[in-house]
C-alpha atoms as a PDB file:
ATOM      1  CA  UNK A   1       5.447  89.838 229.311  1.00  0.00           C
ATOM      2  CA  UNK A   2       5.089  86.741 230.474  1.00  0.00           C
ATOM      3  CA  UNK A   3       6.095  86.589 234.527  1.00  0.00           C
ATOM      4  CA  UNK A   4       7.238  83.378 236.963  1.00  0.00           C
ATOM      5  CA  UNK A   5       4.408  82.431 239.339  1.00  0.00           C
ATOM      6  CA  UNK A   6       5.290  84.477 243.122  1.00  0.00           C
ATOM      7  CA  UNK A   7       4.770  82.619 246.142  1.00  0.00           C
ATOM      8  CA  UNK A   8       1.573  84.443 246.356  1.00  0.00           C
ATOM      9  CA  UNK A   9       0.258  83.040 243.046  1.00  0.00           C
ATOM     10  CA  UNK A  10       1.020  79.993 243.443  1.00  0.00           C
ATOM     11  CA  UNK A  11      -0.942  79.939 246.628  1.00  0.00           C
ATOM     12  CA  UNK A  12      -4.318  81.637 244.958  1.00  0.00           C
ATOM     13  CA  UNK A  13      -3.465  79.973 241.737  1.00  0.00           C
ATOM     14  CA  UNK A  14      -1.441  76.849 241.552  1.00  0.00           C
ATOM     15  CA  UNK A  15      -2.945  75.296 244.388  1.00  0.00           C
ATOM     16  CA  UNK A  16      -6.320  74.884 243.113  1.00  0.00           C
ATOM     17  CA  UNK A  17      -5.349  72.913 239.986  1.00  0.00           C
ATOM     18  CA  UNK A  18      -3.068  71.102 242.683  1.00  0.00           C
ATOM     19  CA  UNK A  19      -6.053  70.279 244.920  1.00  0.00           C
ATOM     20  CA  UNK A  20      -7.958  69.301 241.582  1.00  0.00           C
ATOM     21  CA  UNK A  21      -5.471  66.421 240.612  1.00  0.00           C
ATOM     22  CA  UNK A  22      -2.658  68.252 239.065  1.00  0.00           C
ATOM     23  CA  UNK A  23       1.456  67.488 240.525  1.00  0.00           C
ATOM     24  CA  UNK A  24       4.212  69.406 240.636  1.00  0.00           C
ATOM     25  CA  UNK A  25       6.830  67.841 238.482  1.00  0.00           C
ATOM     26  CA  UNK A  26       9.956  66.457 240.420  1.00  0.00           C
ATOM     27  CA  UNK A  27      12.814  68.476 239.486  1.00  0.00           C
ATOM     28  CA  UNK A  28      10.863  70.976 237.061  1.00  0.00           C
ATOM     29  CA  UNK A  29       9.232  74.298 238.351  1.00  0.00           C
ATOM     30  CA  UNK A  30       5.957  72.709 235.984  1.00  0.00           C
ATOM     31  CA  UNK A  31       2.853  71.151 236.768  1.00  0.00           C
ATOM     32  CA  UNK A  32       1.683  67.716 235.271  1.00  0.00           C
ATOM     33  CA  UNK A  33      -1.880  65.549 234.776  1.00  0.00           C
ATOM     34  CA  UNK A  34      -2.815  62.459 233.184  1.00  0.00           C
ATOM     35  CA  UNK A  35      -6.327  61.983 230.895  1.00  0.00           C
ATOM     36  CA  UNK A  36      -8.025  58.814 230.474  1.00  0.00           C
ATOM     37  CA  UNK A  37     -10.765  58.739 228.340  1.00  0.00           C
ATOM     38  CA  UNK A  38     -13.247  56.102 226.713  1.00  0.00           C
ATOM     39  CA  UNK A  39     -10.914  55.700 223.531  1.00  0.00           C
ATOM     40  CA  UNK A  40      -8.239  56.612 221.236  1.00  0.00           C
ATOM     41  CA  UNK A  41     -10.796  58.741 219.501  1.00  0.00           C
ATOM     42  CA  UNK A  42     -11.948  60.743 222.710  1.00  0.00           C
ATOM     43  CA  UNK A  43      -8.158  61.254 223.573  1.00  0.00           C
ATOM     44  CA  UNK A  44      -7.323  62.245 219.858  1.00  0.00           C
ATOM     45  CA  UNK A  45     -10.425  64.795 219.807  1.00  0.00           C
ATOM     46  CA  UNK A  46      -9.804  66.589 223.199  1.00  0.00           C
ATOM     47  CA  UNK A  47      -6.055  66.743 221.954  1.00  0.00           C
ATOM     48  CA  UNK A  48      -7.029  68.479 218.801  1.00  0.00           C
ATOM     49  CA  UNK A  49      -9.564  70.922 220.423  1.00  0.00           C
ATOM     50  CA  UNK A  50      -6.865  71.441 223.344  1.00  0.00           C
ATOM     51  CA  UNK A  51      -4.613  72.043 220.903  1.00  0.00           C
ATOM     52  CA  UNK A  52      -6.645  75.137 219.115  1.00  0.00           C
ATOM     53  CA  UNK A  53      -6.935  77.014 222.841  1.00  0.00           C
ATOM     54  CA  UNK A  54      -3.113  76.627 223.406  1.00  0.00           C
ATOM     55  CA  UNK A  55      -2.856  77.950 219.573  1.00  0.00           C
ATOM     56  CA  UNK A  56      -4.862  80.801 220.454  1.00  0.00           C
ATOM     57  CA  UNK A  57      -3.194  81.888 223.488  1.00  0.00           C
ATOM     58  CA  UNK A  58       0.217  81.093 222.078  1.00  0.00           C
ATOM     59  CA  UNK A  59       1.496  78.276 224.952  1.00  0.00           C
ATOM     60  CA  UNK A  60       1.723  75.196 223.892  1.00  0.00           C
ATOM     61  CA  UNK A  61       1.733  71.939 226.259  1.00  0.00           C
ATOM     62  CA  UNK A  62       4.556  68.872 226.306  1.00  0.00           C
ATOM     63  CA  UNK A  63       1.971  66.244 225.508  1.00  0.00           C
ATOM     64  CA  UNK A  64       2.373  62.163 224.728  1.00  0.00           C
ATOM     65  CA  UNK A  65      -1.015  60.347 223.720  1.00  0.00           C
ATOM     66  CA  UNK A  66      -1.168  56.493 224.120  1.00  0.00           C
ATOM     67  CA  UNK A  67      -4.214  55.203 223.175  1.00  0.00           C
ATOM     68  CA  UNK A  68      -6.529  56.531 225.565  1.00  0.00           C
ATOM     69  CA  UNK A  69      -4.435  58.093 227.582  1.00  0.00           C
ATOM     70  CA  UNK A  70      -3.180  61.250 227.428  1.00  0.00           C
ATOM     71  CA  UNK A  71      -0.165  63.410 229.009  1.00  0.00           C
ATOM     72  CA  UNK A  72       0.091  66.681 229.702  1.00  0.00           C
ATOM     73  CA  UNK A  73       2.880  68.654 231.199  1.00  0.00           C
ATOM     74  CA  UNK A  74       2.855  72.401 231.265  1.00  0.00           C
ATOM     75  CA  UNK A  75       5.702  74.789 232.042  1.00  0.00           C
ATOM     76  CA  UNK A  76       6.447  78.230 230.829  1.00  0.00           C
ATOM     77  CA  UNK A  77      10.183  78.248 228.830  1.00  0.00           C
ATOM     78  CA  UNK A  78      10.638  81.282 228.741  1.00  0.00           C
ATOM     79  CA  UNK A  79      10.299  82.210 232.103  1.00  0.00           C
ATOM     80  CA  UNK A  80      11.786  78.614 233.091  1.00  0.00           C
ATOM     81  CA  UNK A  81       9.019  77.671 234.801  1.00  0.00           C
ATOM     82  CA  UNK A  82       5.368  78.158 235.619  1.00  0.00           C
ATOM     83  CA  UNK A  83       3.632  81.675 234.834  1.00  0.00           C
ATOM     84  CA  UNK A  84      -0.117  82.446 234.348  1.00  0.00           C
ATOM     85  CA  UNK A  85      -0.414  81.208 231.459  1.00  0.00           C
ATOM     86  CA  UNK A  86       0.273  77.583 232.344  1.00  0.00           C
ATOM     87  CA  UNK A  87      -2.688  77.601 234.954  1.00  0.00           C
ATOM     88  CA  UNK A  88      -4.888  78.924 232.326  1.00  0.00           C
ATOM     89  CA  UNK A  89      -4.348  76.590 230.369  1.00  0.00           C
ATOM     90  CA  UNK A  90      -4.598  73.579 232.749  1.00  0.00           C
ATOM     91  CA  UNK A  91      -8.522  75.224 233.530  1.00  0.00           C
ATOM     92  CA  UNK A  92      -9.021  75.481 230.059  1.00  0.00           C
ATOM     93  CA  UNK A  93      -7.811  71.392 229.511  1.00  0.00           C
ATOM     94  CA  UNK A  94      -9.956  70.210 232.655  1.00  0.00           C
ATOM     95  CA  UNK A  95     -13.149  72.011 230.960  1.00  0.00           C
ATOM     96  CA  UNK A  96     -12.596  70.518 227.803  1.00  0.00           C
ATOM     97  CA  UNK A  97     -11.914  66.937 229.874  1.00  0.00           C
ATOM     98  CA  UNK A  98     -15.185  67.777 231.539  1.00  0.00           C
ATOM     99  CA  UNK A  99     -13.799  68.537 234.868  1.00  0.00           C
ATOM    100  CA  UNK A 100     -14.304  72.240 236.157  1.00  0.00           C
END
């Protein structure tokens, strides 16, 4: 069963993501990041690759795409906040975008 991140886990798991460009969402226990690509095809290609990982890990993002910009928000609805799944998916998304 997935659990909400503890205060200790937030320091060790979440802080590196915040340092790397993720941000806390105001009013929610969630993180967000905006990815910019060179064009729509690259943005959509990244979303396709990211979707395979999200499906594999059965953890799906909230996201939107306008042309070459993809905005991602991660939270775990089952625990009403951030879990290790969010951190895992955030790291994978950054890796797929060439950021990690």
